[in-house]
Amino acid sequence: MNRHALRPLTASLLATLLLTPLALAAETAPEAATGTYGKTLAYAPEVMVTTANPLATEAGLAMLRKGGSAIDAAIAAQLMLGLTEPQSSGIAGGAFLLYHDGKQTTSFDGREKAPAAAKPERFLDPNGKPLAFYDAVIGGRSVGVPGVLAMLHMAHQRHGKLPWAALFEPAISRAENGFQMSSRLHALLVSEPHLKKDANARAYFYQEDGKPWPVGSVLKNPEYAATLRAIAAGGPKAFYSGKIAQAIVDAVKRHPTNPGDLTLADFAAYKAVERQPICGLYRFYKVCGMNAPSSGGVAVLQMLGILETRKLADWAPHAVESAHLFTEAGRLAFADRAKYLADPDFVKVPSDALVSKPYLVTRSQQIDMARSMGRAQAGDPVPKMALGLDSSPEFPSTSHLIVIDKQGHAVSMTSSIEDVFGSRMMVKGFLLNNQLTDFSFSPTDNGQPVANRVEPGKRPRSSMSPVLVFNEQGQLAFAAGSPGGSQIINYVAQTLVGLIDWKLSPLQAVALPHYGSRNGPTELEKDTGQEALAEALKAKGHEVKFVEMNSGLSAVVVKPDGLWGGADPRREGVAKGF
């Protein structure tokens, strides 16, 4: 069943976009050029917001017009996404946020946590075998303590300008007055077999005959509005204690087939964390990403470090040499990811060693440009680390936004409830996450503990990969990120290569037909005219599969004449500024 690729990019559409003269002007702004599905290369002289939904982009811009900061705009946009794109992220999910204040870059970790009662065998059946994915996802067992609100409040206390309550006004107003059902949300509801089993979700998303409301129907969510009003007035405490937390705990524990074990004490104990980002050089650019418990920053930097050993600019984006090198770099990065990346509060994660230049040069020497290596083995950046390989499935949902304000301060944030519609449980107007299924279902591998095994109070590993990129003078040059499960890593790395090596505009870069490997088959995006590339890769020994690769990338480029933004034409996102 095709659950995610609702707007496939045809080969002709992509060819049109990539041949359209969208390269950035050096000094002056040209008329906006139009890409597939009416998407344009956005230009603005001072500020830019990109989100996965037009109403969320407008909510962010409204805060900037009031003199708000990039953090203020990101919060307003995220609250609106919880209403208009509820299948992907929301206040009962988690997020990773990179922030640059003009001088320094920091990151905020709002990843969910496992309850205190969680055990390593959480996702094993009575025979000790891993559960089928949806047997684990649907219900309370998969729900972690949400982190996004605590994280956003921490970021606001440090870098916000507008009052906390003011940031909630656009989403509250829209929840009370209604928004139109989008074609994407409608199509996902049509193909969704589990959500209507939850009474609250069925009453909100579906008609009496069990069919989703038609495209263009106005959905009102007064319960979400009431929830937001409480949090606007009472701060995160209104969410992490009292009636809202109790309602979540009750729903999780009372699920009829798959109850969980969250408690009010788990909610009260949750803390967001400000962490140092992980940064590395790629062709004279400084690339900063999210460190563990996300694997995104490390894996993207590993891929770039390996790719840097070859001159990609000598090949076209879809030359067989480019695809071969990129997918081989992905194999090596994903092999290390499966062994070493996990919550650093529980496992010693050798992030610096994994992204060091000498280590990556050594890893790159495994690449034979004439032949695929097949399945890569994890390296040994720090000898004698006895760990097994992770077995967590990750499915493509999630959301990404970028904000750059008048001061040049920037946010790149990826947020998620994990799978589409999360755990398929709706409480007080919002959906609950299923992030605990990002842990490895098997706690051991060949007798060795898995770094990303379930443990009480632990954050599951993620693939979310928000990035900020700086030029040789230390000035912000690019911001990027994407939804898409573990494929996020390949999407973001490919976009950065497009911007840096192939000098593409942000719209061209995010619209590139995707290819990559997660240390399995070489995956090519369906319906993008890559059949000839597939045959050329097979000749090099690749096992090739055509798969849905429904990214939701966004990218912003900072130039002397202003800001240039692109939103992925595969989805309904918008880049806009003033």
Protein backbone atom coordinates (compact mmCIF):
# COMPACT_ATOMS: atom_id res chain seq x y z
CA MET A 1 0.00 0.00 0.00
CA ASN A 2 1.35 3.41 -0.95
CA ARG A 3 0.95 5.42 2.27
CA HIS A 4 3.30 8.30 1.69
CA ALA A 5 4.03 9.16 -1.95
CA LEU A 6 0.90 11.11 -2.76
CA ARG A 7 2.44 13.47 -5.31
CA PRO A 8 4.97 11.46 -7.36
CA LEU A 9 7.44 13.50 -9.37
CA THR A 10 7.42 12.34 -12.96
CA ALA A 11 10.59 12.25 -14.98
CA SER A 12 9.35 14.99 -17.30
CA LEU A 13 8.42 17.30 -14.44
CA LEU A 14 11.78 16.81 -12.77
CA ALA A 15 13.63 17.37 -16.01
CA THR A 16 11.71 20.60 -16.51
CA LEU A 17 12.58 21.79 -13.03
CA LEU A 18 16.25 20.88 -13.21
CA LEU A 19 16.67 22.51 -16.60
CA THR A 20 14.85 25.70 -15.61
CA PRO A 21 17.34 28.53 -15.00
CA LEU A 22 16.83 28.81 -11.23
CA ALA A 23 20.45 29.36 -10.22
CA LEU A 24 20.80 32.13 -7.69
CA ALA A 25 21.53 35.61 -8.91
CA ALA A 26 24.70 37.09 -7.48
CA GLU A 27 23.38 40.54 -6.71
CA THR A 28 19.76 41.16 -7.70
CA ALA A 29 16.52 39.25 -7.34
CA PRO A 30 15.01 37.94 -10.59
CA GLU A 31 11.35 37.21 -11.02
CA ALA A 32 10.46 34.04 -9.10
CA ALA A 33 10.87 30.96 -11.29
CA THR A 34 8.23 28.26 -11.10
CA GLY A 35 8.98 24.58 -10.58
CA THR A 36 6.82 21.47 -10.39
CA TYR A 37 3.31 21.74 -8.94
CA GLY A 38 3.56 25.51 -8.99
CA LYS A 39 6.39 25.61 -6.46
CA THR A 40 8.58 28.66 -6.83
CA LEU A 41 12.06 29.63 -5.83
CA ALA A 42 11.18 32.01 -3.02
CA TYR A 43 13.11 35.25 -2.52
CA ALA A 44 12.94 37.69 0.38
CA PRO A 45 15.32 40.51 1.35
CA GLU A 46 15.18 40.06 5.14
CA VAL A 47 13.31 37.07 6.60
CA MET A 48 12.29 33.60 5.45
CA VAL A 49 10.05 30.85 6.82
CA THR A 50 9.68 27.39 5.30
CA THR A 51 7.29 24.82 6.74
CA ALA A 52 5.33 21.79 5.58
CA ASN A 53 2.01 23.68 5.40
CA PRO A 54 1.08 27.15 4.09
CA LEU A 55 -0.85 28.06 7.26
CA ALA A 56 2.15 27.18 9.43
CA THR A 57 4.42 29.32 7.24
CA GLU A 58 2.00 32.24 7.65
CA ALA A 59 1.88 31.73 11.43
CA GLY A 60 5.65 32.02 11.59
CA LEU A 61 5.69 35.10 9.40
CA ALA A 62 3.02 36.72 11.58
CA MET A 63 5.34 36.49 14.59
CA LEU A 64 8.21 38.01 12.61
CA ARG A 65 6.00 40.91 11.49
CA LYS A 66 5.32 41.62 15.17
CA GLY A 67 9.05 41.84 15.86
CA GLY A 68 9.40 38.29 17.12
CA SER A 69 12.54 36.20 16.96
CA ALA A 70 13.27 33.14 14.86
CA ILE A 71 12.44 31.02 17.92
CA ASP A 72 9.09 32.79 18.34
CA ALA A 73 8.23 32.13 14.71
CA ALA A 74 9.25 28.47 14.94
CA ILE A 75 7.02 27.92 17.98
CA ALA A 76 3.97 29.50 16.31
CA ALA A 77 4.59 27.47 13.16
CA GLN A 78 4.96 24.20 15.07
CA LEU A 79 1.72 24.76 16.97
CA MET A 80 -0.05 25.33 13.65
CA LEU A 81 1.51 22.18 12.17
CA GLY A 82 0.00 20.21 15.05
CA LEU A 83 -3.39 21.32 13.76
CA THR A 84 -3.00 21.32 9.97
CA GLU A 85 -0.48 18.47 9.56
CA PRO A 86 -1.44 16.31 12.57
CA GLN A 87 -0.26 13.09 10.91
CA SER A 88 3.36 14.20 11.11
CA SER A 89 4.09 16.17 14.30
CA GLY A 90 2.44 17.83 17.25
CA ILE A 91 2.56 18.77 20.92
CA ALA A 92 2.56 15.09 21.96
CA GLY A 93 5.71 14.41 19.94
CA GLY A 94 9.35 15.41 20.01
CA ALA A 95 11.82 17.56 18.10
CA PHE A 96 15.42 18.57 17.57
CA LEU A 97 16.20 22.25 17.04
CA LEU A 98 19.41 23.93 15.83
CA TYR A 99 19.73 27.64 16.59
CA HIS A 100 22.27 30.24 15.48
CA ASP A 101 22.25 33.63 17.22
CA GLY A 102 24.59 35.35 14.78
CA LYS A 103 27.69 34.29 16.69
CA GLN A 104 27.17 30.86 18.21
CA THR A 105 25.26 27.72 17.29
CA THR A 106 23.51 25.53 19.83
CA SER A 107 20.95 22.74 19.76
CA PHE A 108 17.93 21.76 21.79
CA ASP A 109 16.93 18.15 22.39
CA GLY A 110 13.20 17.60 22.82
CA ARG A 111 13.27 13.88 22.13
CA GLU A 112 10.70 11.70 23.89
CA LYS A 113 11.73 9.42 26.76
CA ALA A 114 10.78 5.90 27.74
CA PRO A 115 8.73 5.50 30.94
CA ALA A 116 10.42 4.40 34.15
CA ALA A 117 8.70 1.02 33.85
CA ALA A 118 10.17 0.27 30.40
CA LYS A 119 12.24 -2.89 30.00
CA PRO A 120 14.61 -3.99 27.20
CA GLU A 121 12.18 -6.76 26.15
CA ARG A 122 9.36 -4.26 25.55
CA PHE A 123 8.92 -5.10 21.87
CA LEU A 124 9.46 -8.87 22.02
CA ASP A 125 6.63 -11.41 21.86
CA PRO A 126 6.22 -14.23 24.43
CA ASN A 127 8.65 -16.35 22.38
CA GLY A 128 11.34 -13.67 22.50
CA LYS A 129 10.87 -12.66 18.86
CA PRO A 130 10.49 -9.00 17.72
CA LEU A 131 6.89 -7.90 17.31
CA ALA A 132 5.55 -6.99 13.90
CA PHE A 133 5.88 -3.23 13.50
CA TYR A 134 2.20 -2.30 13.73
CA ASP A 135 1.60 -4.74 16.57
CA ALA A 136 4.06 -2.59 18.50
CA VAL A 137 2.92 0.81 17.21
CA ILE A 138 -0.85 0.79 17.62
CA GLY A 139 -1.78 1.61 21.21
CA GLY A 140 -0.14 2.74 24.41
CA ARG A 141 2.97 0.55 24.41
CA SER A 142 4.74 2.75 21.82
CA VAL A 143 4.01 6.13 23.46
CA GLY A 144 6.94 8.00 24.99
CA VAL A 145 6.89 11.07 27.23
CA PRO A 146 6.49 13.99 24.77
CA GLY A 147 9.34 16.49 24.63
CA VAL A 148 8.59 19.19 22.08
CA LEU A 149 6.80 21.65 24.38
CA ALA A 150 9.47 21.48 27.09
CA MET A 151 12.12 22.04 24.42
CA LEU A 152 10.34 24.96 22.77
CA HIS A 153 9.78 26.62 26.15
CA MET A 154 13.49 26.25 27.01
CA ALA A 155 14.46 27.79 23.67
CA HIS A 156 11.92 30.60 24.18
CA GLN A 157 13.27 31.44 27.63
CA ARG A 158 16.73 31.85 26.12
CA HIS A 159 15.96 33.44 22.75
CA GLY A 160 12.30 34.50 22.56
CA LYS A 161 11.12 38.11 22.27
CA LEU A 162 7.33 37.95 22.20
CA PRO A 163 5.28 36.73 25.19
CA TRP A 164 4.84 32.94 25.29
CA ALA A 165 1.05 33.24 25.11
CA ALA A 166 1.18 35.39 21.95
CA LEU A 167 2.79 32.53 20.04
CA PHE A 168 -0.31 30.39 20.50
CA GLU A 169 -2.78 32.87 19.04
CA PRO A 170 -2.62 31.84 15.33
CA ALA A 171 -3.11 28.13 16.05
CA ILE A 172 -5.88 28.77 18.60
CA SER A 173 -7.74 31.01 16.17
CA ARG A 174 -7.41 28.54 13.32
CA ALA A 175 -8.45 25.59 15.51
CA GLU A 176 -11.61 27.44 16.55
CA ASN A 177 -12.49 28.81 13.11
CA GLY A 178 -11.36 25.82 11.10
CA PHE A 179 -8.96 24.94 8.29
CA GLN A 180 -9.53 23.18 5.01
CA MET A 181 -8.73 19.49 4.69
CA SER A 182 -5.75 19.26 2.32
CA SER A 183 -5.46 16.68 -0.44
CA ARG A 184 -2.42 15.17 1.28
CA LEU A 185 -4.13 14.73 4.66
CA HIS A 186 -7.23 13.35 2.94
CA ALA A 187 -5.23 10.80 0.91
CA LEU A 188 -3.39 9.61 4.02
CA LEU A 189 -6.71 9.16 5.84
CA VAL A 190 -8.11 7.16 2.91
CA SER A 191 -5.22 4.70 3.06
CA GLU A 192 -5.04 4.56 6.89
CA PRO A 193 -6.52 1.30 8.31
CA HIS A 194 -6.01 1.86 12.06
CA LEU A 195 -6.87 5.44 13.01
CA LYS A 196 -10.66 5.14 12.92
CA LYS A 197 -10.51 2.47 15.64
CA ASP A 198 -9.84 5.30 18.09
CA ALA A 199 -13.18 6.91 18.98
CA ASN A 200 -11.82 10.45 19.30
CA ALA A 201 -9.94 10.26 16.01
CA ARG A 202 -12.90 8.71 14.22
CA ALA A 203 -15.21 11.49 15.39
CA TYR A 204 -12.79 14.18 14.20
CA PHE A 205 -11.34 12.90 10.92
CA TYR A 206 -14.21 10.77 9.54
CA GLN A 207 -17.84 11.10 8.50
CA GLU A 208 -20.59 8.85 9.84
CA ASP A 209 -20.10 6.42 6.94
CA GLY A 210 -16.45 5.93 7.94
CA LYS A 211 -15.01 7.89 5.02
CA PRO A 212 -12.68 10.83 5.65
CA TRP A 213 -14.09 14.31 5.23
CA PRO A 214 -13.66 15.44 1.60
CA VAL A 215 -10.82 17.63 0.42
CA GLY A 216 -11.68 21.24 1.21
CA SER A 217 -13.92 20.38 4.16
CA VAL A 218 -13.48 22.76 7.07
CA LEU A 219 -12.20 20.98 10.18
CA LYS A 220 -12.62 22.69 13.53
CA ASN A 221 -10.77 21.42 16.59
CA PRO A 222 -12.09 23.16 19.71
CA GLU A 223 -10.42 20.59 21.97
CA TYR A 224 -6.99 21.47 20.54
CA ALA A 225 -7.81 25.16 20.98
CA ALA A 226 -8.70 24.58 24.63
CA THR A 227 -5.50 22.60 25.17
CA LEU A 228 -3.41 25.37 23.62
CA ARG A 229 -5.17 28.00 25.73
CA ALA A 230 -4.24 26.10 28.87
CA ILE A 231 -0.58 25.80 27.83
CA ALA A 232 -0.44 29.43 26.70
CA ALA A 233 -1.65 30.54 30.12
CA GLY A 234 0.15 28.00 32.29
CA GLY A 235 3.30 27.21 30.35
CA PRO A 236 4.60 23.65 29.88
CA LYS A 237 3.50 22.79 33.42
CA ALA A 238 -0.09 22.80 32.14
CA PHE A 239 0.87 19.98 29.77
CA TYR A 240 3.24 17.97 31.98
CA SER A 241 0.90 17.88 34.98
CA GLY A 242 -2.78 18.17 35.71
CA LYS A 243 -5.67 17.32 33.41
CA ILE A 244 -3.77 17.10 30.11
CA ALA A 245 -1.06 14.75 31.41
CA GLN A 246 -3.68 12.69 33.23
CA ALA A 247 -5.73 12.32 30.05
CA ILE A 248 -2.68 11.05 28.14
CA VAL A 249 -1.72 8.61 30.90
CA ASP A 250 -5.28 7.31 31.11
CA ALA A 251 -5.55 6.80 27.35
CA VAL A 252 -2.20 4.98 27.22
CA LYS A 253 -3.01 2.66 30.14
CA ARG A 254 -6.57 1.94 29.04
CA HIS A 255 -5.89 1.04 25.42
CA PRO A 256 -8.01 -2.09 24.84
CA THR A 257 -5.43 -4.23 23.03
CA ASN A 258 -1.97 -2.74 23.61
CA PRO A 259 -1.79 -0.72 26.85
CA GLY A 260 1.29 1.16 27.95
CA ASP A 261 2.80 2.13 31.30
CA LEU A 262 3.32 5.90 31.27
CA THR A 263 2.73 7.64 34.60
CA LEU A 264 2.32 11.18 35.85
CA ALA A 265 5.73 10.79 37.47
CA ASP A 266 7.24 10.17 34.01
CA PHE A 267 5.73 13.44 32.80
CA ALA A 268 6.90 15.37 35.85
CA ALA A 269 10.44 14.05 35.42
CA TYR A 270 10.83 15.09 31.78
CA LYS A 271 13.52 17.68 30.99
CA ALA A 272 14.61 19.09 27.64
CA VAL A 273 18.36 19.37 27.09
CA GLU A 274 20.51 22.02 25.45
CA ARG A 275 23.42 20.24 23.75
CA GLN A 276 26.45 21.15 21.68
CA PRO A 277 25.81 20.43 18.01
CA ILE A 278 28.24 18.29 16.07
CA CYS A 279 30.07 20.14 13.30
CA GLY A 280 32.56 19.29 10.58
CA LEU A 281 34.10 20.76 7.45
CA TYR A 282 32.96 19.92 3.93
CA ARG A 283 34.79 21.65 1.09
CA PHE A 284 35.50 24.77 3.21
CA TYR A 285 31.96 24.92 4.62
CA LYS A 286 31.26 24.22 8.28
CA VAL A 287 28.27 21.89 8.55
CA CYS A 288 26.51 21.65 11.93
CA GLY A 289 23.92 19.05 12.83
CA MET A 290 22.24 17.38 15.76
CA ASN A 291 24.41 15.08 17.85
CA ALA A 292 23.18 11.96 19.67
CA PRO A 293 20.55 10.83 20.50
CA SER A 294 19.91 11.73 16.87
CA SER A 295 22.05 9.82 14.41
CA GLY A 296 21.38 12.45 11.76
CA GLY A 297 24.23 14.87 12.41
CA VAL A 298 26.87 12.15 12.68
CA ALA A 299 25.65 10.19 9.65
CA VAL A 300 25.34 13.24 7.39
CA LEU A 301 28.83 14.40 8.37
CA GLN A 302 30.19 10.90 7.78
CA MET A 303 28.69 10.78 4.30
CA LEU A 304 30.04 14.22 3.45
CA GLY A 305 33.47 13.36 4.81
CA ILE A 306 33.61 10.25 2.65
CA LEU A 307 32.28 12.08 -0.42
CA GLU A 308 34.89 14.80 0.04
CA THR A 309 37.60 12.33 -0.97
CA ARG A 310 36.27 12.46 -4.56
CA LYS A 311 35.48 15.43 -6.79
CA LEU A 312 31.72 15.17 -7.18
CA ALA A 313 31.54 18.41 -9.14
CA ASP A 314 33.14 16.57 -12.07
CA TRP A 315 29.98 14.47 -12.49
CA ALA A 316 26.38 15.43 -13.08
CA PRO A 317 23.86 14.85 -10.26
CA HIS A 318 22.54 11.71 -11.94
CA ALA A 319 25.69 10.33 -13.47
CA VAL A 320 26.26 6.74 -12.46
CA GLU A 321 29.51 7.81 -10.76
CA SER A 322 27.61 10.25 -8.50
CA ALA A 323 24.94 7.72 -7.55
CA HIS A 324 27.49 4.94 -7.00
CA LEU A 325 29.72 7.06 -4.77
CA PHE A 326 26.79 8.51 -2.82
CA THR A 327 25.18 5.14 -2.13
CA GLU A 328 28.49 3.57 -1.12
CA ALA A 329 29.10 6.42 1.33
CA GLY A 330 25.63 5.77 2.72
CA ARG A 331 26.41 2.10 3.33
CA LEU A 332 29.44 3.00 5.43
CA ALA A 333 27.60 5.66 7.45
CA PHE A 334 24.55 3.46 8.12
CA ALA A 335 26.77 0.57 9.20
CA ASP A 336 28.32 2.77 11.89
CA ARG A 337 24.93 4.23 12.80
CA ALA A 338 23.48 0.79 13.51
CA LYS A 339 26.24 0.00 15.99
CA TYR A 340 27.20 3.19 17.79
CA LEU A 341 24.39 5.78 17.85
CA ALA A 342 22.06 5.97 20.85
CA ASP A 343 21.17 8.17 23.83
CA PRO A 344 24.50 9.56 25.13
CA ASP A 345 23.13 9.63 28.68
CA PHE A 346 23.11 5.81 28.57
CA VAL A 347 25.81 4.85 26.06
CA LYS A 348 29.24 6.31 25.33
CA VAL A 349 28.74 7.48 21.74
CA PRO A 350 32.05 8.06 19.89
CA SER A 351 30.67 10.93 17.80
CA ASP A 352 33.92 12.88 17.42
CA ALA A 353 35.83 9.76 16.40
CA LEU A 354 33.14 8.79 13.90
CA VAL A 355 33.38 12.13 12.06
CA SER A 356 37.15 12.63 12.29
CA LYS A 357 38.89 13.19 8.96
CA PRO A 358 41.48 10.39 9.35
CA TYR A 359 38.76 7.85 10.19
CA LEU A 360 36.57 8.90 7.24
CA VAL A 361 39.49 8.88 4.81
CA THR A 362 40.21 5.31 5.92
CA ARG A 363 36.55 4.36 5.51
CA SER A 364 36.46 5.94 2.04
CA GLN A 365 39.25 3.64 0.89
CA GLN A 366 36.74 0.77 0.98
CA ILE A 367 34.93 2.32 -1.98
CA ASP A 368 35.75 0.81 -5.37
CA MET A 369 34.38 3.05 -8.13
CA ALA A 370 34.04 -0.01 -10.36
CA ARG A 371 32.09 -2.26 -7.98
CA SER A 372 29.64 -1.97 -5.08
CA MET A 373 30.85 -3.25 -1.73
CA GLY A 374 27.44 -4.78 -0.99
CA ARG A 375 26.77 -4.70 2.73
CA ALA A 376 29.28 -2.62 4.69
CA GLN A 377 30.60 -3.54 8.12
CA ALA A 378 30.81 -1.06 10.98
CA GLY A 379 34.23 0.46 11.52
CA ASP A 380 36.30 0.70 14.70
CA PRO A 381 36.72 4.40 15.50
CA VAL A 382 37.27 3.45 19.14
CA PRO A 383 38.61 -0.12 19.48
CA LYS A 384 37.04 -2.69 21.80
CA MET A 385 33.49 -1.26 21.89
CA ALA A 386 31.45 -4.46 22.21
CA LEU A 387 28.04 -3.57 20.80
CA GLY A 388 25.46 -5.38 18.71
CA LEU A 389 23.63 -4.01 15.66
CA ASP A 390 20.36 -2.15 15.99
CA SER A 391 17.09 -3.53 14.58
CA SER A 392 14.71 -0.58 14.89
CA PRO A 393 12.32 0.13 12.01
CA GLU A 394 11.75 3.79 11.10
CA PHE A 395 8.95 4.87 8.82
CA PRO A 396 8.70 8.12 6.83
CA SER A 397 6.60 10.77 8.51
CA THR A 398 7.81 13.81 10.51
CA SER A 399 8.02 17.53 9.58
CA HIS A 400 10.69 20.18 9.11
CA LEU A 401 10.78 23.97 9.32
CA ILE A 402 13.34 26.73 8.86
CA VAL A 403 13.17 30.32 10.11
CA ILE A 404 15.64 33.16 9.52
CA ASP A 405 14.77 36.50 11.14
CA LYS A 406 15.85 40.11 10.49
CA GLN A 407 18.89 39.75 12.74
CA GLY A 408 20.09 36.76 10.74
CA HIS A 409 19.31 34.40 13.60
CA ALA A 410 18.29 31.01 12.31
CA VAL A 411 16.27 27.93 13.32
CA SER A 412 16.39 24.55 11.61
CA MET A 413 14.00 22.19 13.39
CA THR A 414 12.72 18.70 12.68
CA SER A 415 9.74 17.45 14.69
CA SER A 416 7.79 14.21 14.71
CA ILE A 417 5.24 11.88 16.25
CA GLU A 418 7.13 9.08 14.36
CA ASP A 419 4.82 7.06 12.09
CA VAL A 420 1.93 8.62 10.17
CA PHE A 421 -0.75 9.40 12.81
CA GLY A 422 1.62 8.14 15.53
CA SER A 423 0.13 5.54 17.88
CA ARG A 424 -3.34 6.18 16.38
CA MET A 425 -4.56 7.57 19.69
CA MET A 426 -6.13 11.03 19.97
CA VAL A 427 -6.41 12.91 23.26
CA LYS A 428 -7.72 16.45 23.81
CA GLY A 429 -7.43 17.34 20.13
CA PHE A 430 -3.96 15.97 19.35
CA LEU A 431 -2.39 12.64 18.38
CA LEU A 432 -0.01 10.71 20.62
CA ASN A 433 3.43 9.66 19.39
CA ASN A 434 4.75 6.14 18.81
CA GLN A 435 8.40 7.16 19.23
CA LEU A 436 9.37 4.23 21.44
CA THR A 437 9.35 2.02 18.35
CA ASP A 438 12.51 3.90 17.31
CA PHE A 439 14.32 1.75 19.88
CA SER A 440 15.78 -1.53 18.71
CA PHE A 441 13.14 -4.23 19.11
CA SER A 442 15.91 -6.72 19.92
CA PRO A 443 17.95 -5.69 23.01
CA THR A 444 20.91 -7.89 22.05
CA ASP A 445 22.64 -8.98 18.85
CA ASN A 446 24.94 -12.00 18.76
CA GLY A 447 25.21 -11.87 22.53
CA GLN A 448 26.20 -8.19 22.60
CA PRO A 449 23.96 -5.42 24.00
CA VAL A 450 22.47 -3.08 21.38
CA ALA A 451 23.29 0.56 22.11
CA ASN A 452 19.76 1.64 21.11
CA ARG A 453 17.93 -0.93 23.27
CA VAL A 454 14.97 0.08 25.43
CA GLU A 455 15.85 1.29 28.93
CA PRO A 456 13.90 3.27 31.55
CA GLY A 457 14.06 7.03 30.97
CA LYS A 458 16.08 6.65 27.77
CA ARG A 459 15.63 8.63 24.56
CA PRO A 460 15.28 6.48 21.41
CA ARG A 461 17.74 7.08 18.59
CA SER A 462 16.47 9.30 15.78
CA SER A 463 17.39 10.08 12.18
CA MET A 464 16.21 13.69 12.27
CA SER A 465 18.87 15.81 10.59
CA PRO A 466 18.34 19.57 10.84
CA VAL A 467 21.46 21.34 9.56
CA LEU A 468 22.96 24.82 9.49
CA VAL A 469 25.94 25.48 7.21
CA PHE A 470 28.48 28.31 7.45
CA ASN A 471 30.97 29.76 4.96
CA GLU A 472 34.68 30.37 5.50
CA GLN A 473 33.94 33.71 7.19
CA GLY A 474 31.67 31.99 9.72
CA GLN A 475 28.51 33.46 8.19
CA LEU A 476 25.34 31.43 7.76
CA ALA A 477 25.20 30.08 4.20
CA PHE A 478 22.52 27.35 4.14
CA ALA A 479 19.82 25.79 6.29
CA ALA A 480 18.16 22.49 5.43
CA GLY A 481 16.27 19.48 6.74
CA SER A 482 13.59 16.94 5.90
CA PRO A 483 11.08 14.41 7.18
CA GLY A 484 11.30 10.82 5.98
CA GLY A 485 12.33 8.28 8.64
CA SER A 486 15.86 6.92 8.28
CA GLN A 487 15.88 8.14 4.68
CA ILE A 488 16.18 11.68 6.08
CA ILE A 489 19.95 11.21 6.30
CA ASN A 490 20.29 10.53 2.58
CA TYR A 491 17.82 13.29 1.65
CA VAL A 492 19.72 15.94 3.60
CA ALA A 493 23.16 14.79 2.46
CA GLN A 494 22.01 14.82 -1.18
CA THR A 495 20.58 18.33 -0.79
CA LEU A 496 23.84 19.64 0.67
CA VAL A 497 25.81 18.08 -2.18
CA GLY A 498 23.38 19.72 -4.60
CA LEU A 499 23.88 23.13 -3.02
CA ILE A 500 27.64 22.94 -2.52
CA ASP A 501 29.05 20.72 -5.28
CA TRP A 502 26.53 21.19 -8.07
CA LYS A 503 25.67 24.85 -7.29
CA LEU A 504 21.93 24.24 -7.53
CA SER A 505 19.28 26.62 -6.27
CA PRO A 506 17.47 25.48 -3.11
CA LEU A 507 14.41 24.51 -5.16
CA GLN A 508 16.50 22.46 -7.57
CA ALA A 509 18.40 20.82 -4.71
CA VAL A 510 15.30 19.69 -2.78
CA ALA A 511 13.65 18.42 -5.98
CA LEU A 512 16.54 16.17 -7.05
CA PRO A 513 15.34 12.62 -7.80
CA HIS A 514 16.50 10.60 -4.81
CA TYR A 515 18.92 7.72 -4.60
CA GLY A 516 20.67 6.21 -1.59
CA SER A 517 21.46 3.15 0.44
CA ARG A 518 20.78 2.43 4.10
CA ASN A 519 23.32 -0.41 3.97
CA GLY A 520 20.90 -2.62 2.13
CA PRO A 521 19.71 -2.39 -1.47
CA THR A 522 20.48 0.67 -3.53
CA GLU A 523 17.20 2.59 -3.47
CA LEU A 524 16.03 4.75 -6.37
CA GLU A 525 12.95 6.96 -6.19
CA LYS A 526 10.02 5.57 -8.15
CA ASP A 527 8.53 7.46 -11.09
CA THR A 528 11.51 9.76 -11.58
CA GLY A 529 12.95 8.36 -14.80
CA GLN A 530 15.97 6.61 -13.29
CA GLU A 531 15.69 3.32 -15.20
CA ALA A 532 18.91 3.90 -17.17
CA LEU A 533 20.72 4.76 -13.94
CA ALA A 534 19.41 1.53 -12.41
CA GLU A 535 20.89 -0.56 -15.20
CA ALA A 536 24.24 1.22 -14.93
CA LEU A 537 24.32 0.60 -11.19
CA LYS A 538 23.40 -3.05 -11.61
CA ALA A 539 26.41 -3.37 -13.90
CA LYS A 540 28.50 -2.27 -10.92
CA GLY A 541 27.01 -4.98 -8.73
CA HIS A 542 24.26 -2.99 -7.02
CA GLU A 543 21.04 -4.64 -5.94
CA VAL A 544 18.59 -1.95 -7.07
CA LYS A 545 15.08 -1.34 -5.81
CA PHE A 546 12.66 1.38 -6.87
CA VAL A 547 10.89 2.67 -3.76
CA GLU A 548 8.72 5.56 -2.60
CA MET A 549 11.01 8.33 -1.32
CA ASN A 550 8.51 10.99 -0.35
CA SER A 551 10.78 13.57 1.25
CA GLY A 552 9.54 16.91 2.53
CA LEU A 553 12.79 18.82 2.24
CA SER A 554 13.24 22.52 2.68
CA ALA A 555 16.35 24.60 2.15
CA VAL A 556 17.26 28.27 2.49
CA VAL A 557 20.35 29.90 0.99
CA VAL A 558 21.71 33.16 2.42
CA LYS A 559 23.19 35.50 -0.21
CA PRO A 560 24.35 39.13 -0.11
CA ASP A 561 21.13 40.20 -1.84
CA GLY A 562 18.81 38.32 0.51
CA LEU A 563 17.35 34.90 1.26
CA TRP A 564 16.36 32.21 -1.21
CA GLY A 565 14.12 29.32 -0.19
CA GLY A 566 12.83 26.11 -1.69
CA ALA A 567 10.16 23.70 -0.45
CA ASP A 568 10.00 20.11 -1.67
CA PRO A 569 7.54 19.84 -4.59
CA ARG A 570 6.56 16.35 -3.38
CA ARG A 571 4.52 17.87 -0.54
CA GLU A 572 2.44 20.94 0.28
CA GLY A 573 5.15 22.96 2.03
CA VAL A 574 5.80 26.64 1.32
CA ALA A 575 8.84 28.90 1.56
CA LYS A 576 7.95 32.56 1.98
CA GLY A 577 9.42 35.75 3.41
CA PHE A 578 9.48 39.52 3.30
